[in-house]
Amino acid sequence: MGSGPESALDHACFRRLCSELGAIDILQRLVELFGTQTPELLAAMRSAVDEARPGSVIEAAHKLKGSCLTLGAHHVAELCQELELLVGGGSRERATELVDRIETAYQQAHAALLAEVRSR
């Protein structure tokens, strides 16, 4: 998967969601919520990693993974899954690095989602 915003989004999944929702305003609202709620979730995830609260890390990663799978941001979801497995297995090694990667991937996915919504 490339590093640009276009590869950050599964376009077929996004088109399917558009078709299922049937209304652009609902889709715009979902993307808006993703844009406003995810930074708070990332901050909570980072704080939980820093404070060695594995349950909170897993909870935040799982919640974000679900949102990403719904919207077609599969790369972010994969990274969240990796973080869940890492921390769930008792390791904090690389957790901060993974949160950094999740944040970067989220920014790319959000940019791609915004571009998709604007093009409709």
C-alpha atoms as a PDB file:
ATOM      1  CA  MET A   1       0.000   0.000   0.000  1.00  0.00           C
ATOM      2  CA  GLY A   2       1.367   3.406  -0.950  1.00  0.00           C
ATOM      3  CA  SER A   3       1.816   6.328   1.353  1.00  0.00           C
ATOM      4  CA  GLY A   4      -0.511   8.863  -0.284  1.00  0.00           C
ATOM      5  CA  PRO A   5      -4.096   9.688   0.578  1.00  0.00           C
ATOM      6  CA  GLU A   6      -5.431   7.718  -2.401  1.00  0.00           C
ATOM      7  CA  SER A   7      -4.013   4.433  -1.063  1.00  0.00           C
ATOM      8  CA  ALA A   8      -5.290   5.251   2.398  1.00  0.00           C
ATOM      9  CA  LEU A   9      -8.852   4.432   1.381  1.00  0.00           C
ATOM     10  CA  ASP A  10     -10.497   1.318  -0.003  1.00  0.00           C
ATOM     11  CA  HIS A  11     -12.508   3.046  -2.698  1.00  0.00           C
ATOM     12  CA  ALA A  12     -14.720   0.028  -3.430  1.00  0.00           C
ATOM     13  CA  CYS A  13     -15.700  -0.166   0.235  1.00  0.00           C
ATOM     14  CA  PHE A  14     -16.384   3.569   0.305  1.00  0.00           C
ATOM     15  CA  ARG A  15     -18.542   3.382  -2.849  1.00  0.00           C
ATOM     16  CA  ARG A  16     -20.496   0.504  -1.300  1.00  0.00           C
ATOM     17  CA  LEU A  17     -21.097   2.603   1.828  1.00  0.00           C
ATOM     18  CA  CYS A  18     -22.272   5.509  -0.341  1.00  0.00           C
ATOM     19  CA  SER A  19     -24.666   3.228  -2.139  1.00  0.00           C
ATOM     20  CA  GLU A  20     -26.010   1.755   1.102  1.00  0.00           C
ATOM     21  CA  LEU A  21     -26.521   5.154   2.722  1.00  0.00           C
ATOM     22  CA  GLY A  22     -28.059   6.682  -0.367  1.00  0.00           C
ATOM     23  CA  ALA A  23     -27.732  10.264   0.898  1.00  0.00           C
ATOM     24  CA  ILE A  24     -24.644  12.447   0.655  1.00  0.00           C
ATOM     25  CA  ASP A  25     -25.551  14.401   3.796  1.00  0.00           C
ATOM     26  CA  ILE A  26     -25.348  11.250   5.925  1.00  0.00           C
ATOM     27  CA  LEU A  27     -22.001  10.383   4.393  1.00  0.00           C
ATOM     28  CA  GLN A  28     -20.715  13.905   4.983  1.00  0.00           C
ATOM     29  CA  ARG A  29     -21.791  13.672   8.623  1.00  0.00           C
ATOM     30  CA  LEU A  30     -19.954  10.351   9.089  1.00  0.00           C
ATOM     31  CA  VAL A  31     -16.767  11.792   7.616  1.00  0.00           C
ATOM     32  CA  GLU A  32     -17.181  14.902   9.781  1.00  0.00           C
ATOM     33  CA  LEU A  33     -17.554  12.755  12.913  1.00  0.00           C
ATOM     34  CA  PHE A  34     -14.516  10.712  11.902  1.00  0.00           C
ATOM     35  CA  GLY A  35     -12.572  13.961  11.573  1.00  0.00           C
ATOM     36  CA  THR A  36     -13.640  15.379  14.937  1.00  0.00           C
ATOM     37  CA  GLN A  37     -13.742  12.254  17.108  1.00  0.00           C
ATOM     38  CA  THR A  38     -10.627  10.457  15.915  1.00  0.00           C
ATOM     39  CA  PRO A  39      -8.085  13.033  17.176  1.00  0.00           C
ATOM     40  CA  GLU A  40      -9.624  12.711  20.654  1.00  0.00           C
ATOM     41  CA  LEU A  41      -9.434   8.929  20.395  1.00  0.00           C
ATOM     42  CA  LEU A  42      -5.809   9.112  19.261  1.00  0.00           C
ATOM     43  CA  ALA A  43      -4.964  11.383  22.199  1.00  0.00           C
ATOM     44  CA  ALA A  44      -6.608   8.920  24.594  1.00  0.00           C
ATOM     45  CA  MET A  45      -4.722   6.056  22.954  1.00  0.00           C
ATOM     46  CA  ARG A  46      -1.396   7.882  23.253  1.00  0.00           C
ATOM     47  CA  SER A  47      -2.086   8.781  26.883  1.00  0.00           C
ATOM     48  CA  ALA A  48      -2.998   5.166  27.689  1.00  0.00           C
ATOM     49  CA  VAL A  49       0.252   3.953  26.098  1.00  0.00           C
ATOM     50  CA  ASP A  50       2.287   6.538  28.037  1.00  0.00           C
ATOM     51  CA  GLU A  51       0.551   5.641  31.308  1.00  0.00           C
ATOM     52  CA  ALA A  52       0.805   1.863  30.741  1.00  0.00           C
ATOM     53  CA  ARG A  53      -2.956   1.245  30.703  1.00  0.00           C
ATOM     54  CA  PRO A  54      -3.219  -1.672  28.258  1.00  0.00           C
ATOM     55  CA  GLY A  55      -6.978  -2.110  28.600  1.00  0.00           C
ATOM     56  CA  SER A  56      -7.547   1.505  27.586  1.00  0.00           C
ATOM     57  CA  VAL A  57      -5.132   1.188  24.660  1.00  0.00           C
ATOM     58  CA  ILE A  58      -6.962  -1.888  23.397  1.00  0.00           C
ATOM     59  CA  GLU A  59     -10.369  -0.261  23.849  1.00  0.00           C
ATOM     60  CA  ALA A  60      -9.378   2.888  21.928  1.00  0.00           C
ATOM     61  CA  ALA A  61      -7.658   0.910  19.162  1.00  0.00           C
ATOM     62  CA  HIS A  62     -10.666  -1.380  18.805  1.00  0.00           C
ATOM     63  CA  LYS A  63     -13.105   1.526  18.609  1.00  0.00           C
ATOM     64  CA  LEU A  64     -11.024   3.293  15.967  1.00  0.00           C
ATOM     65  CA  LYS A  65     -10.602   0.056  14.018  1.00  0.00           C
ATOM     66  CA  GLY A  66     -14.382  -0.323  13.782  1.00  0.00           C
ATOM     67  CA  SER A  67     -14.874   3.198  12.492  1.00  0.00           C
ATOM     68  CA  CYS A  68     -12.104   2.749   9.946  1.00  0.00           C
ATOM     69  CA  LEU A  69     -13.489  -0.535   8.645  1.00  0.00           C
ATOM     70  CA  THR A  70     -16.899   1.075   8.161  1.00  0.00           C
ATOM     71  CA  LEU A  71     -15.457   3.972   6.157  1.00  0.00           C
ATOM     72  CA  GLY A  72     -12.940   1.938   4.148  1.00  0.00           C
ATOM     73  CA  ALA A  73      -9.813   3.195   5.926  1.00  0.00           C
ATOM     74  CA  HIS A  74      -8.413  -0.323   6.012  1.00  0.00           C
ATOM     75  CA  HIS A  75      -4.757   0.592   6.513  1.00  0.00           C
ATOM     76  CA  VAL A  76      -5.605   2.457   9.718  1.00  0.00           C
ATOM     77  CA  ALA A  77      -7.720  -0.507  10.827  1.00  0.00           C
ATOM     78  CA  GLU A  78      -4.817  -2.897  10.194  1.00  0.00           C
ATOM     79  CA  LEU A  79      -2.500  -0.756  12.305  1.00  0.00           C
ATOM     80  CA  CYS A  80      -5.092  -0.622  15.094  1.00  0.00           C
ATOM     81  CA  GLN A  81      -5.354  -4.414  14.975  1.00  0.00           C
ATOM     82  CA  GLU A  82      -1.580  -4.663  15.213  1.00  0.00           C
ATOM     83  CA  LEU A  83      -1.606  -2.391  18.276  1.00  0.00           C
ATOM     84  CA  GLU A  84      -4.408  -4.403  19.893  1.00  0.00           C
ATOM     85  CA  LEU A  85      -2.473  -7.648  19.422  1.00  0.00           C
ATOM     86  CA  LEU A  86       0.808  -6.153  20.586  1.00  0.00           C
ATOM     87  CA  VAL A  87      -0.578  -4.644  23.784  1.00  0.00           C
ATOM     88  CA  GLY A  88      -2.962  -7.543  24.365  1.00  0.00           C
ATOM     89  CA  GLY A  89       0.044  -9.846  24.248  1.00  0.00           C
ATOM     90  CA  GLY A  90       1.641  -7.931  27.103  1.00  0.00           C
ATOM     91  CA  SER A  91       4.167  -5.919  25.094  1.00  0.00           C
ATOM     92  CA  ARG A  92       4.491  -2.151  25.114  1.00  0.00           C
ATOM     93  CA  GLU A  93       7.527  -2.248  22.874  1.00  0.00           C
ATOM     94  CA  ARG A  94       6.766  -0.359  19.643  1.00  0.00           C
ATOM     95  CA  ALA A  95       3.367   0.817  20.977  1.00  0.00           C
ATOM     96  CA  THR A  96       4.300   4.507  20.755  1.00  0.00           C
ATOM     97  CA  GLU A  97       5.654   3.982  17.249  1.00  0.00           C
ATOM     98  CA  LEU A  98       2.417   2.259  16.242  1.00  0.00           C
ATOM     99  CA  VAL A  99       0.315   5.112  17.609  1.00  0.00           C
ATOM    100  CA  ASP A 100       2.459   7.507  15.532  1.00  0.00           C
ATOM    101  CA  ARG A 101       1.863   5.368  12.438  1.00  0.00           C
ATOM    102  CA  ILE A 102      -1.868   5.174  13.184  1.00  0.00           C
ATOM    103  CA  GLU A 103      -2.030   8.960  13.472  1.00  0.00           C
ATOM    104  CA  THR A 104      -0.239   9.472  10.148  1.00  0.00           C
ATOM    105  CA  ALA A 105      -2.412   6.876   8.415  1.00  0.00           C
ATOM    106  CA  TYR A 106      -5.534   8.484   9.903  1.00  0.00           C
ATOM    107  CA  GLN A 107      -4.535  11.883   8.500  1.00  0.00           C
ATOM    108  CA  GLN A 108      -4.065  10.342   5.054  1.00  0.00           C
ATOM    109  CA  ALA A 109      -7.362   8.450   5.263  1.00  0.00           C
ATOM    110  CA  HIS A 110      -9.255  11.518   6.444  1.00  0.00           C
ATOM    111  CA  ALA A 111      -7.848  13.566   3.560  1.00  0.00           C
ATOM    112  CA  ALA A 112      -8.922  10.845   1.115  1.00  0.00           C
ATOM    113  CA  LEU A 113     -12.403  10.684   2.667  1.00  0.00           C
ATOM    114  CA  LEU A 114     -12.806  14.449   2.431  1.00  0.00           C
ATOM    115  CA  ALA A 115     -11.743  14.351  -1.232  1.00  0.00           C
ATOM    116  CA  GLU A 116     -14.261  11.578  -1.930  1.00  0.00           C
ATOM    117  CA  VAL A 117     -17.114  13.445  -0.241  1.00  0.00           C
ATOM    118  CA  ARG A 118     -16.277  16.666  -2.092  1.00  0.00           C
ATOM    119  CA  SER A 119     -16.269  14.834  -5.422  1.00  0.00           C
ATOM    120  CA  ARG A 120     -19.883  13.663  -4.969  1.00  0.00           C
END
